[in-house]
PDB file of N, CA and C in Angstrom:
ATOM      1  N   UNK A   1     -14.164  -3.115 -14.404  1.00  0.00           N
ATOM      2  CA  UNK A   1     -12.757  -3.376 -14.697  1.00  0.00           C
ATOM      3  C   UNK A   1     -11.735  -3.045 -13.422  1.00  0.00           C
ATOM      4  N   UNK A   2     -10.834  -3.893 -13.040  1.00  0.00           N
ATOM      5  CA  UNK A   2      -9.869  -3.672 -11.995  1.00  0.00           C
ATOM      6  C   UNK A   2      -9.187  -2.465 -12.470  1.00  0.00           C
ATOM      7  N   UNK A   3      -8.490  -1.774 -11.339  1.00  0.00           N
ATOM      8  CA  UNK A   3      -7.644  -0.789 -11.334  1.00  0.00           C
ATOM      9  C   UNK A   3      -6.442  -1.206 -10.488  1.00  0.00           C
ATOM     10  N   UNK A   4      -5.410  -1.297 -10.989  1.00  0.00           N
ATOM     11  CA  UNK A   4      -3.892  -1.583 -10.319  1.00  0.00           C
ATOM     12  C   UNK A   4      -3.523  -0.598  -9.853  1.00  0.00           C
ATOM     13  N   UNK A   5      -2.853  -0.412  -8.624  1.00  0.00           N
ATOM     14  CA  UNK A   5      -2.580   0.706  -7.712  1.00  0.00           C
ATOM     15  C   UNK A   5      -0.867   0.678  -7.520  1.00  0.00           C
ATOM     16  N   UNK A   6      -0.259   1.437  -7.394  1.00  0.00           N
ATOM     17  CA  UNK A   6       1.065   1.241  -6.605  1.00  0.00           C
ATOM     18  C   UNK A   6       1.274   2.864  -5.402  1.00  0.00           C
ATOM     19  N   UNK A   7       1.501   2.374  -4.283  1.00  0.00           N
ATOM     20  CA  UNK A   7       0.953   3.292  -3.322  1.00  0.00           C
ATOM     21  C   UNK A   7       2.895   3.172  -2.379  1.00  0.00           C
ATOM     22  N   UNK A   8       3.143   3.962  -1.789  1.00  0.00           N
ATOM     23  CA  UNK A   8       4.475   4.299  -1.204  1.00  0.00           C
ATOM     24  C   UNK A   8       4.285   4.624   0.356  1.00  0.00           C
ATOM     25  N   UNK A   9       5.041   3.846   1.268  1.00  0.00           N
ATOM     26  CA  UNK A   9       4.386   4.128   2.578  1.00  0.00           C
ATOM     27  C   UNK A   9       5.755   4.566   3.049  1.00  0.00           C
ATOM     28  N   UNK A  10       6.081   6.039   3.793  1.00  0.00           N
ATOM     29  CA  UNK A  10       7.273   6.140   4.635  1.00  0.00           C
ATOM     30  C   UNK A  10       6.989   5.802   5.897  1.00  0.00           C
ATOM     31  N   UNK A  11       7.956   4.935   6.338  1.00  0.00           N
ATOM     32  CA  UNK A  11       7.747   4.650   7.798  1.00  0.00           C
ATOM     33  C   UNK A  11       7.773   5.833   8.586  1.00  0.00           C
ATOM     34  N   UNK A  12       7.434   6.004   9.742  1.00  0.00           N
ATOM     35  CA  UNK A  12       7.909   7.070  10.774  1.00  0.00           C
ATOM     36  C   UNK A  12       8.570   6.551  11.291  1.00  0.00           C
ATOM     37  N   UNK A  13       9.614   7.369  12.220  1.00  0.00           N
ATOM     38  CA  UNK A  13      10.629   6.519  13.236  1.00  0.00           C
ATOM     39  C   UNK A  13      10.292   5.637  13.874  1.00  0.00           C
ATOM     40  N   UNK A  14      11.020   4.210  13.908  1.00  0.00           N
ATOM     41  CA  UNK A  14      10.446   3.259  14.605  1.00  0.00           C
ATOM     42  C   UNK A  14       9.306   2.795  14.653  1.00  0.00           C
ATOM     43  N   UNK A  15       8.491   2.823  13.201  1.00  0.00           N
ATOM     44  CA  UNK A  15       7.408   2.318  13.002  1.00  0.00           C
ATOM     45  C   UNK A  15       7.570   1.286  11.522  1.00  0.00           C
ATOM     46  N   UNK A  16       8.713   1.062  11.451  1.00  0.00           N
ATOM     47  CA  UNK A  16       8.677   0.092   9.935  1.00  0.00           C
ATOM     48  C   UNK A  16       8.331  -1.451  10.341  1.00  0.00           C
ATOM     49  N   UNK A  17       8.857  -1.920  11.391  1.00  0.00           N
ATOM     50  CA  UNK A  17       7.846  -3.392  11.331  1.00  0.00           C
ATOM     51  C   UNK A  17       6.661  -3.290  11.850  1.00  0.00           C
ATOM     52  N   UNK A  18       5.704  -2.275  12.340  1.00  0.00           N
ATOM     53  CA  UNK A  18       4.541  -2.249  12.353  1.00  0.00           C
ATOM     54  C   UNK A  18       4.053  -1.686  11.161  1.00  0.00           C
ATOM     55  N   UNK A  19       4.671  -1.016  10.477  1.00  0.00           N
ATOM     56  CA  UNK A  19       4.246  -0.593   8.846  1.00  0.00           C
ATOM     57  C   UNK A  19       3.797  -1.708   7.795  1.00  0.00           C
ATOM     58  N   UNK A  20       5.065  -2.408   8.177  1.00  0.00           N
ATOM     59  CA  UNK A  20       5.382  -3.887   7.172  1.00  0.00           C
ATOM     60  C   UNK A  20       4.126  -4.783   7.668  1.00  0.00           C
ATOM     61  N   UNK A  21       3.977  -4.932   8.818  1.00  0.00           N
ATOM     62  CA  UNK A  21       3.221  -6.082   9.313  1.00  0.00           C
ATOM     63  C   UNK A  21       1.491  -5.868   8.921  1.00  0.00           C
ATOM     64  N   UNK A  22       1.619  -4.275   8.927  1.00  0.00           N
ATOM     65  CA  UNK A  22       0.137  -3.569   8.807  1.00  0.00           C
ATOM     66  C   UNK A  22      -0.170  -3.935   6.809  1.00  0.00           C
ATOM     67  N   UNK A  23       0.486  -3.514   6.378  1.00  0.00           N
ATOM     68  CA  UNK A  23       0.508  -3.709   4.488  1.00  0.00           C
ATOM     69  C   UNK A  23       0.494  -5.342   4.550  1.00  0.00           C
ATOM     70  N   UNK A  24       0.550  -6.117   5.451  1.00  0.00           N
ATOM     71  CA  UNK A  24       0.112  -7.366   4.875  1.00  0.00           C
ATOM     72  C   UNK A  24      -0.744  -7.665   5.472  1.00  0.00           C
ATOM     73  N   UNK A  25      -1.355  -7.052   6.286  1.00  0.00           N
ATOM     74  CA  UNK A  25      -3.017  -7.059   6.282  1.00  0.00           C
ATOM     75  C   UNK A  25      -4.001  -6.733   5.470  1.00  0.00           C
ATOM     76  N   UNK A  26      -3.565  -5.124   4.817  1.00  0.00           N
ATOM     77  CA  UNK A  26      -4.363  -4.351   3.997  1.00  0.00           C
ATOM     78  C   UNK A  26      -5.039  -5.034   3.125  1.00  0.00           C
ATOM     79  N   UNK A  27      -4.628  -5.540   1.889  1.00  0.00           N
ATOM     80  CA  UNK A  27      -5.551  -6.612   1.059  1.00  0.00           C
ATOM     81  C   UNK A  27      -6.242  -7.414   1.239  1.00  0.00           C
ATOM     82  N   UNK A  28      -6.088  -8.112   2.390  1.00  0.00           N
ATOM     83  CA  UNK A  28      -7.338  -9.175   3.044  1.00  0.00           C
ATOM     84  C   UNK A  28      -8.403  -8.353   3.682  1.00  0.00           C
ATOM     85  N   UNK A  29      -8.106  -7.165   4.472  1.00  0.00           N
ATOM     86  CA  UNK A  29      -9.009  -6.585   4.749  1.00  0.00           C
ATOM     87  C   UNK A  29      -9.852  -5.775   3.837  1.00  0.00           C
ATOM     88  N   UNK A  30      -9.546  -5.374   2.722  1.00  0.00           N
ATOM     89  CA  UNK A  30     -10.251  -4.306   1.547  1.00  0.00           C
ATOM     90  C   UNK A  30     -11.076  -5.878   0.948  1.00  0.00           C
ATOM     91  N   UNK A  31     -10.419  -6.797   1.092  1.00  0.00           N
ATOM     92  CA  UNK A  31     -11.008  -7.981   0.558  1.00  0.00           C
ATOM     93  C   UNK A  31     -12.187  -8.184   1.440  1.00  0.00           C
ATOM     94  N   UNK A  32     -11.579  -8.072   2.636  1.00  0.00           N
ATOM     95  CA  UNK A  32     -13.471  -8.572   3.483  1.00  0.00           C
ATOM     96  C   UNK A  32     -14.538  -7.535   3.086  1.00  0.00           C
ATOM     97  N   UNK A  33     -14.088  -6.615   2.546  1.00  0.00           N
ATOM     98  CA  UNK A  33     -14.829  -5.171   2.030  1.00  0.00           C
ATOM     99  C   UNK A  33     -15.777  -5.512   0.991  1.00  0.00           C
ATOM    100  N   UNK A  34     -15.170  -6.297   0.077  1.00  0.00           N
ATOM    101  CA  UNK A  34     -15.294  -6.393  -0.973  1.00  0.00           C
ATOM    102  C   UNK A  34     -14.930  -5.511  -2.071  1.00  0.00           C
ATOM    103  N   UNK A  35     -13.494  -4.975  -1.986  1.00  0.00           N
ATOM    104  CA  UNK A  35     -13.365  -3.945  -2.845  1.00  0.00           C
ATOM    105  C   UNK A  35     -12.221  -3.804  -3.987  1.00  0.00           C
ATOM    106  N   UNK A  36     -11.471  -5.326  -3.303  1.00  0.00           N
ATOM    107  CA  UNK A  36     -10.326  -5.584  -4.396  1.00  0.00           C
ATOM    108  C   UNK A  36     -10.622  -6.834  -4.749  1.00  0.00           C
ATOM    109  N   UNK A  37      -9.512  -7.501  -5.715  1.00  0.00           N
ATOM    110  CA  UNK A  37      -9.699  -8.411  -6.703  1.00  0.00           C
ATOM    111  C   UNK A  37      -8.740  -9.653  -5.975  1.00  0.00           C
ATOM    112  N   UNK A  38      -8.911 -10.839  -6.831  1.00  0.00           N
ATOM    113  CA  UNK A  38      -8.379 -11.904  -6.059  1.00  0.00           C
ATOM    114  C   UNK A  38      -6.609 -11.960  -6.153  1.00  0.00           C
ATOM    115  N   UNK A  39      -6.335 -11.002  -7.405  1.00  0.00           N
ATOM    116  CA  UNK A  39      -4.736 -10.435  -7.267  1.00  0.00           C
ATOM    117  C   UNK A  39      -4.028 -10.621  -5.918  1.00  0.00           C
ATOM    118  N   UNK A  40      -3.051 -11.273  -6.111  1.00  0.00           N
ATOM    119  CA  UNK A  40      -1.817 -11.189  -4.724  1.00  0.00           C
ATOM    120  C   UNK A  40      -1.453  -9.761  -4.876  1.00  0.00           C
ATOM    121  N   UNK A  41      -1.309  -9.319  -3.809  1.00  0.00           N
ATOM    122  CA  UNK A  41      -0.359  -7.792  -3.894  1.00  0.00           C
ATOM    123  C   UNK A  41       1.266  -8.225  -3.617  1.00  0.00           C
ATOM    124  N   UNK A  42       1.682  -7.159  -3.904  1.00  0.00           N
ATOM    125  CA  UNK A  42       3.115  -7.298  -3.838  1.00  0.00           C
ATOM    126  C   UNK A  42       3.804  -5.959  -3.006  1.00  0.00           C
ATOM    127  N   UNK A  43       4.676  -6.525  -2.072  1.00  0.00           N
ATOM    128  CA  UNK A  43       5.069  -5.808  -1.405  1.00  0.00           C
ATOM    129  C   UNK A  43       6.397  -5.746  -0.851  1.00  0.00           C
ATOM    130  N   UNK A  44       6.953  -4.308  -1.532  1.00  0.00           N
ATOM    131  CA  UNK A  44       8.628  -4.588  -1.319  1.00  0.00           C
ATOM    132  C   UNK A  44       8.763  -3.185  -0.438  1.00  0.00           C
ATOM    133  N   UNK A  45      10.394  -3.088  -0.581  1.00  0.00           N
ATOM    134  CA  UNK A  45      11.211  -2.123   0.646  1.00  0.00           C
ATOM    135  C   UNK A  45      11.988  -1.445  -0.546  1.00  0.00           C
ATOM    136  N   UNK A  46      11.948  -0.185  -0.319  1.00  0.00           N
ATOM    137  CA  UNK A  46      13.324   0.730  -1.059  1.00  0.00           C
ATOM    138  C   UNK A  46      14.176   0.777   0.031  1.00  0.00           C
ATOM    139  N   UNK A  47      15.646   1.235  -0.731  1.00  0.00           N
ATOM    140  CA  UNK A  47      16.878   1.438  -0.233  1.00  0.00           C
ATOM    141  C   UNK A  47      16.738   2.497   1.173  1.00  0.00           C
ATOM    142  N   UNK A  48      15.964   3.382   1.230  1.00  0.00           N
ATOM    143  CA  UNK A  48      15.745   4.069   2.450  1.00  0.00           C
ATOM    144  C   UNK A  48      14.607   3.466   3.501  1.00  0.00           C
ATOM    145  N   UNK A  49      13.790   1.772   3.281  1.00  0.00           N
ATOM    146  CA  UNK A  49      13.179   1.995   4.170  1.00  0.00           C
ATOM    147  C   UNK A  49      11.524   2.097   3.869  1.00  0.00           C
ATOM    148  N   UNK A  50      11.178   2.618   2.551  1.00  0.00           N
ATOM    149  CA  UNK A  50       9.843   2.902   2.224  1.00  0.00           C
ATOM    150  C   UNK A  50       9.365   1.635   1.556  1.00  0.00           C
ATOM    151  N   UNK A  51       8.007   1.223   2.324  1.00  0.00           N
ATOM    152  CA  UNK A  51       7.460   0.443   1.650  1.00  0.00           C
ATOM    153  C   UNK A  51       6.377   0.522   0.687  1.00  0.00           C
ATOM    154  N   UNK A  52       6.874  -0.246  -0.420  1.00  0.00           N
ATOM    155  CA  UNK A  52       5.690   0.017  -1.952  1.00  0.00           C
ATOM    156  C   UNK A  52       4.553  -1.315  -1.927  1.00  0.00           C
ATOM    157  N   UNK A  53       3.433  -1.307  -2.066  1.00  0.00           N
ATOM    158  CA  UNK A  53       2.528  -2.171  -2.023  1.00  0.00           C
ATOM    159  C   UNK A  53       2.022  -1.622  -3.717  1.00  0.00           C
ATOM    160  N   UNK A  54       1.736  -2.783  -4.511  1.00  0.00           N
ATOM    161  CA  UNK A  54       0.973  -3.204  -5.458  1.00  0.00           C
ATOM    162  C   UNK A  54      -0.068  -4.036  -5.221  1.00  0.00           C
ATOM    163  N   UNK A  55      -1.566  -3.347  -5.723  1.00  0.00           N
ATOM    164  CA  UNK A  55      -2.265  -4.523  -5.794  1.00  0.00           C
ATOM    165  C   UNK A  55      -3.702  -3.809  -6.650  1.00  0.00           C
ATOM    166  N   UNK A  56      -4.514  -4.557  -6.633  1.00  0.00           N
ATOM    167  CA  UNK A  56      -5.972  -4.283  -7.262  1.00  0.00           C
ATOM    168  C   UNK A  56      -7.245  -4.364  -6.881  1.00  0.00           C
ATOM    169  N   UNK A  57      -7.705  -2.699  -7.073  1.00  0.00           N
ATOM    170  CA  UNK A  57      -9.302  -2.700  -6.784  1.00  0.00           C
ATOM    171  C   UNK A  57      -9.713  -3.462  -7.563  1.00  0.00           C
ATOM    172  N   UNK A  58     -11.307  -3.629  -7.207  1.00  0.00           N
ATOM    173  CA  UNK A  58     -12.262  -4.166  -8.044  1.00  0.00           C
ATOM    174  C   UNK A  58     -12.845  -3.445  -9.271  1.00  0.00           C
ATOM    175  N   UNK A  59     -12.717  -1.582  -9.020  1.00  0.00           N
ATOM    176  CA  UNK A  59     -12.640  -1.245  -9.833  1.00  0.00           C
ATOM    177  C   UNK A  59     -12.673  -0.011  -9.316  1.00  0.00           C
ATOM    178  N   UNK A  60     -13.106   1.136 -10.326  1.00  0.00           N
ATOM    179  CA  UNK A  60     -12.879   3.051 -10.184  1.00  0.00           C
ATOM    180  C   UNK A  60     -14.029   3.008  -8.984  1.00  0.00           C
ATOM    181  N   UNK A  61     -15.120   2.352  -9.105  1.00  0.00           N
ATOM    182  CA  UNK A  61     -16.348   2.355  -8.219  1.00  0.00           C
ATOM    183  C   UNK A  61     -15.829   1.972  -6.531  1.00  0.00           C
ATOM    184  N   UNK A  62     -15.322   0.906  -7.019  1.00  0.00           N
ATOM    185  CA  UNK A  62     -14.959   0.275  -5.386  1.00  0.00           C
ATOM    186  C   UNK A  62     -14.054   1.246  -5.112  1.00  0.00           C
ATOM    187  N   UNK A  63     -13.158   1.972  -5.449  1.00  0.00           N
ATOM    188  CA  UNK A  63     -12.060   3.072  -5.165  1.00  0.00           C
ATOM    189  C   UNK A  63     -13.138   3.883  -4.114  1.00  0.00           C
ATOM    190  N   UNK A  64     -13.766   4.464  -4.866  1.00  0.00           N
ATOM    191  CA  UNK A  64     -14.465   5.560  -4.545  1.00  0.00           C
ATOM    192  C   UNK A  64     -15.301   5.061  -3.203  1.00  0.00           C
ATOM    193  N   UNK A  65     -15.903   3.914  -2.917  1.00  0.00           N
ATOM    194  CA  UNK A  65     -16.502   2.935  -2.391  1.00  0.00           C
ATOM    195  C   UNK A  65     -15.663   3.422  -1.182  1.00  0.00           C
ATOM    196  N   UNK A  66     -14.303   2.918  -1.187  1.00  0.00           N
ATOM    197  CA  UNK A  66     -13.320   2.792   0.245  1.00  0.00           C
ATOM    198  C   UNK A  66     -13.511   4.444   0.779  1.00  0.00           C
ATOM    199  N   UNK A  67     -13.692   5.281   0.018  1.00  0.00           N
ATOM    200  CA  UNK A  67     -13.892   6.538   1.057  1.00  0.00           C
ATOM    201  C   UNK A  67     -15.144   6.684   1.779  1.00  0.00           C
ATOM    202  N   UNK A  68     -16.346   5.983   1.733  1.00  0.00           N
ATOM    203  CA  UNK A  68     -17.005   6.152   2.471  1.00  0.00           C
ATOM    204  C   UNK A  68     -17.386   4.673   3.435  1.00  0.00           C
ATOM    205  N   UNK A  69     -16.296   3.896   3.421  1.00  0.00           N
ATOM    206  CA  UNK A  69     -16.264   2.928   4.143  1.00  0.00           C
ATOM    207  C   UNK A  69     -15.816   3.073   5.502  1.00  0.00           C
ATOM    208  N   UNK A  70     -16.379   2.839   6.664  1.00  0.00           N
ATOM    209  CA  UNK A  70     -15.711   2.926   8.109  1.00  0.00           C
ATOM    210  C   UNK A  70     -14.772   1.900   8.634  1.00  0.00           C
ATOM    211  N   UNK A  71     -14.864   0.491   7.908  1.00  0.00           N
ATOM    212  CA  UNK A  71     -13.459   0.114   8.010  1.00  0.00           C
ATOM    213  C   UNK A  71     -12.366   0.243   7.705  1.00  0.00           C
ATOM    214  N   UNK A  72     -12.296   0.872   6.049  1.00  0.00           N
ATOM    215  CA  UNK A  72     -10.973   1.584   5.350  1.00  0.00           C
ATOM    216  C   UNK A  72     -10.798   2.640   6.460  1.00  0.00           C
ATOM    217  N   UNK A  73     -11.726   3.704   6.351  1.00  0.00           N
ATOM    218  CA  UNK A  73     -11.259   5.233   7.071  1.00  0.00           C
ATOM    219  C   UNK A  73     -10.731   4.063   8.748  1.00  0.00           C
ATOM    220  N   UNK A  74     -10.969   3.311   9.259  1.00  0.00           N
ATOM    221  CA  UNK A  74     -10.125   2.845  10.298  1.00  0.00           C
ATOM    222  C   UNK A  74      -8.851   2.515  10.090  1.00  0.00           C
ATOM    223  N   UNK A  75      -8.650   1.846   9.088  1.00  0.00           N
ATOM    224  CA  UNK A  75      -7.589   1.027   8.416  1.00  0.00           C
ATOM    225  C   UNK A  75      -6.809   2.185   8.231  1.00  0.00           C
ATOM    226  N   UNK A  76      -6.877   3.400   7.595  1.00  0.00           N
ATOM    227  CA  UNK A  76      -6.410   4.425   6.909  1.00  0.00           C
ATOM    228  C   UNK A  76      -5.799   5.476   8.160  1.00  0.00           C
ATOM    229  N   UNK A  77      -6.376   5.230   9.235  1.00  0.00           N
ATOM    230  CA  UNK A  77      -6.174   5.872  10.317  1.00  0.00           C
ATOM    231  C   UNK A  77      -4.842   4.958  11.288  1.00  0.00           C
ATOM    232  N   UNK A  78      -5.167   3.701  11.309  1.00  0.00           N
ATOM    233  CA  UNK A  78      -3.586   2.979  11.493  1.00  0.00           C
ATOM    234  C   UNK A  78      -2.927   3.224  10.605  1.00  0.00           C
ATOM    235  N   UNK A  79      -2.691   3.366   9.219  1.00  0.00           N
ATOM    236  CA  UNK A  79      -1.749   3.607   8.449  1.00  0.00           C
ATOM    237  C   UNK A  79      -1.152   5.163   9.081  1.00  0.00           C
ATOM    238  N   UNK A  80      -1.729   6.044   9.290  1.00  0.00           N
ATOM    239  CA  UNK A  80      -1.140   7.146   9.741  1.00  0.00           C
ATOM    240  C   UNK A  80      -0.531   7.401  11.020  1.00  0.00           C
ATOM    241  N   UNK A  81      -0.483   6.614  11.790  1.00  0.00           N
ATOM    242  CA  UNK A  81       0.050   6.205  12.966  1.00  0.00           C
ATOM    243  C   UNK A  81       1.483   6.053  12.557  1.00  0.00           C
ATOM    244  N   UNK A  82       1.337   5.109  11.550  1.00  0.00           N
ATOM    245  CA  UNK A  82       2.762   4.745  11.244  1.00  0.00           C
ATOM    246  C   UNK A  82       3.367   4.555  10.202  1.00  0.00           C
ATOM    247  N   UNK A  83       2.937   5.698   9.150  1.00  0.00           N
ATOM    248  CA  UNK A  83       3.880   6.396   8.018  1.00  0.00           C
ATOM    249  C   UNK A  83       3.037   7.318   7.307  1.00  0.00           C
ATOM    250  N   UNK A  84       3.941   7.907   6.125  1.00  0.00           N
ATOM    251  CA  UNK A  84       3.796   9.166   5.450  1.00  0.00           C
ATOM    252  C   UNK A  84       3.482   8.425   4.062  1.00  0.00           C
ATOM    253  N   UNK A  85       2.562   8.852   3.239  1.00  0.00           N
ATOM    254  CA  UNK A  85       2.134   8.692   1.877  1.00  0.00           C
ATOM    255  C   UNK A  85       3.442   9.520   1.209  1.00  0.00           C
ATOM    256  N   UNK A  86       4.169   8.774   0.147  1.00  0.00           N
ATOM    257  CA  UNK A  86       4.861   9.527  -0.411  1.00  0.00           C
ATOM    258  C   UNK A  86       5.052   9.480  -2.209  1.00  0.00           C
ATOM    259  N   UNK A  87       5.066  10.681  -2.738  1.00  0.00           N
ATOM    260  CA  UNK A  87       5.094  10.090  -4.307  1.00  0.00           C
ATOM    261  C   UNK A  87       6.172   8.962  -4.948  1.00  0.00           C
ATOM    262  N   UNK A  88       5.642   8.270  -5.933  1.00  0.00           N
ATOM    263  CA  UNK A  88       6.603   7.486  -6.586  1.00  0.00           C
ATOM    264  C   UNK A  88       8.123   8.159  -6.826  1.00  0.00           C
ATOM    265  N   UNK A  89       7.769   9.418  -7.572  1.00  0.00           N
ATOM    266  CA  UNK A  89       8.718   9.761  -7.967  1.00  0.00           C
ATOM    267  C   UNK A  89      10.305  10.222  -7.139  1.00  0.00           C
ATOM    268  N   UNK A  90       9.411  10.317  -5.959  1.00  0.00           N
ATOM    269  CA  UNK A  90      10.514  10.668  -4.778  1.00  0.00           C
ATOM    270  C   UNK A  90      11.186   9.631  -4.517  1.00  0.00           C
ATOM    271  N   UNK A  91      11.257   8.188  -4.858  1.00  0.00           N
ATOM    272  CA  UNK A  91      11.913   7.322  -4.336  1.00  0.00           C
ATOM    273  C   UNK A  91      13.255   7.224  -5.401  1.00  0.00           C
ATOM    274  N   UNK A  92      14.531   7.009  -5.171  1.00  0.00           N
ATOM    275  CA  UNK A  92      15.708   6.993  -5.999  1.00  0.00           C
ATOM    276  C   UNK A  92      15.696   6.150  -6.856  1.00  0.00           C
ATOM    277  N   UNK A  93      14.821   5.072  -6.146  1.00  0.00           N
ATOM    278  CA  UNK A  93      15.084   3.676  -7.511  1.00  0.00           C
ATOM    279  C   UNK A  93      14.310   4.062  -8.787  1.00  0.00           C
ATOM    280  N   UNK A  94      13.554   4.933  -8.492  1.00  0.00           N
ATOM    281  CA  UNK A  94      12.317   5.308  -9.934  1.00  0.00           C
ATOM    282  C   UNK A  94      13.400   5.843 -10.973  1.00  0.00           C
ATOM    283  N   UNK A  95      14.291   6.320 -10.315  1.00  0.00           N
ATOM    284  CA  UNK A  95      15.288   7.042 -11.651  1.00  0.00           C
ATOM    285  C   UNK A  95      16.063   6.342 -12.526  1.00  0.00           C
ATOM    286  N   UNK A  96      16.226   5.108 -12.272  1.00  0.00           N
ATOM    287  CA  UNK A  96      16.090   3.420 -12.823  1.00  0.00           C
ATOM    288  C   UNK A  96      15.780   2.965 -13.930  1.00  0.00           C
ATOM    289  N   UNK A  97      16.223   2.869 -15.299  1.00  0.00           N
ATOM    290  CA  UNK A  97      15.367   2.283 -16.296  1.00  0.00           C
ATOM    291  C   UNK A  97      14.453   0.812 -15.426  1.00  0.00           C
ATOM    292  N   UNK A  98      15.356   0.124 -14.934  1.00  0.00           N
ATOM    293  CA  UNK A  98      14.496  -0.707 -13.837  1.00  0.00           C
ATOM    294  C   UNK A  98      14.602  -0.585 -12.508  1.00  0.00           C
ATOM    295  N   UNK A  99      13.557  -0.134 -12.132  1.00  0.00           N
ATOM    296  CA  UNK A  99      13.651   0.218 -10.542  1.00  0.00           C
ATOM    297  C   UNK A  99      13.629  -1.453  -9.779  1.00  0.00           C
ATOM    298  N   UNK A 100      14.598  -1.513  -8.937  1.00  0.00           N
ATOM    299  CA  UNK A 100      14.806  -2.603  -8.520  1.00  0.00           C
ATOM    300  C   UNK A 100      14.122  -2.392  -7.076  1.00  0.00           C
ATOM    301  N   UNK A 101      13.642  -3.522  -6.018  1.00  0.00           N
ATOM    302  CA  UNK A 101      13.366  -3.167  -4.401  1.00  0.00           C
ATOM    303  C   UNK A 101      13.514  -4.573  -3.809  1.00  0.00           C
ATOM    304  N   UNK A 102      13.587  -4.343  -2.854  1.00  0.00           N
ATOM    305  CA  UNK A 102      13.620  -5.909  -1.778  1.00  0.00           C
ATOM    306  C   UNK A 102      12.445  -6.212  -1.833  1.00  0.00           C
ATOM    307  N   UNK A 103      12.017  -7.486  -1.447  1.00  0.00           N
ATOM    308  CA  UNK A 103      10.289  -8.238  -1.714  1.00  0.00           C
ATOM    309  C   UNK A 103      10.599  -7.864  -0.121  1.00  0.00           C
ATOM    310  N   UNK A 104       9.263  -7.872   0.423  1.00  0.00           N
ATOM    311  CA  UNK A 104       8.778  -7.722   1.763  1.00  0.00           C
ATOM    312  C   UNK A 104       8.330  -9.179   2.180  1.00  0.00           C
ATOM    313  N   UNK A 105       8.721 -10.123   3.038  1.00  0.00           N
ATOM    314  CA  UNK A 105       8.076 -11.531   3.302  1.00  0.00           C
ATOM    315  C   UNK A 105       6.982 -11.013   4.496  1.00  0.00           C
TER     316      UNK A 105
END
């Protein structure tokens, strides 16, 4: 059974464009490794510039496999260059009943 996740990436100074571009390649690269479903990811931005991504892992086992996958580790290193991961509850929008975000195209 698939596992839908929501992740928030806070760009490092001057790295917003690089983060957005990397995030657009994230799911396709995971797909090449057989780790995610065909569900289209949703990528959006908060008022403070944090990028949020919603995507679906193939299974809990696929998540575990990602932690052993060289290509995924390389991609995570790319993320480490351009952002920090932050908790969803740190985003001001999550205090609203209906959190609203700007789509990233």
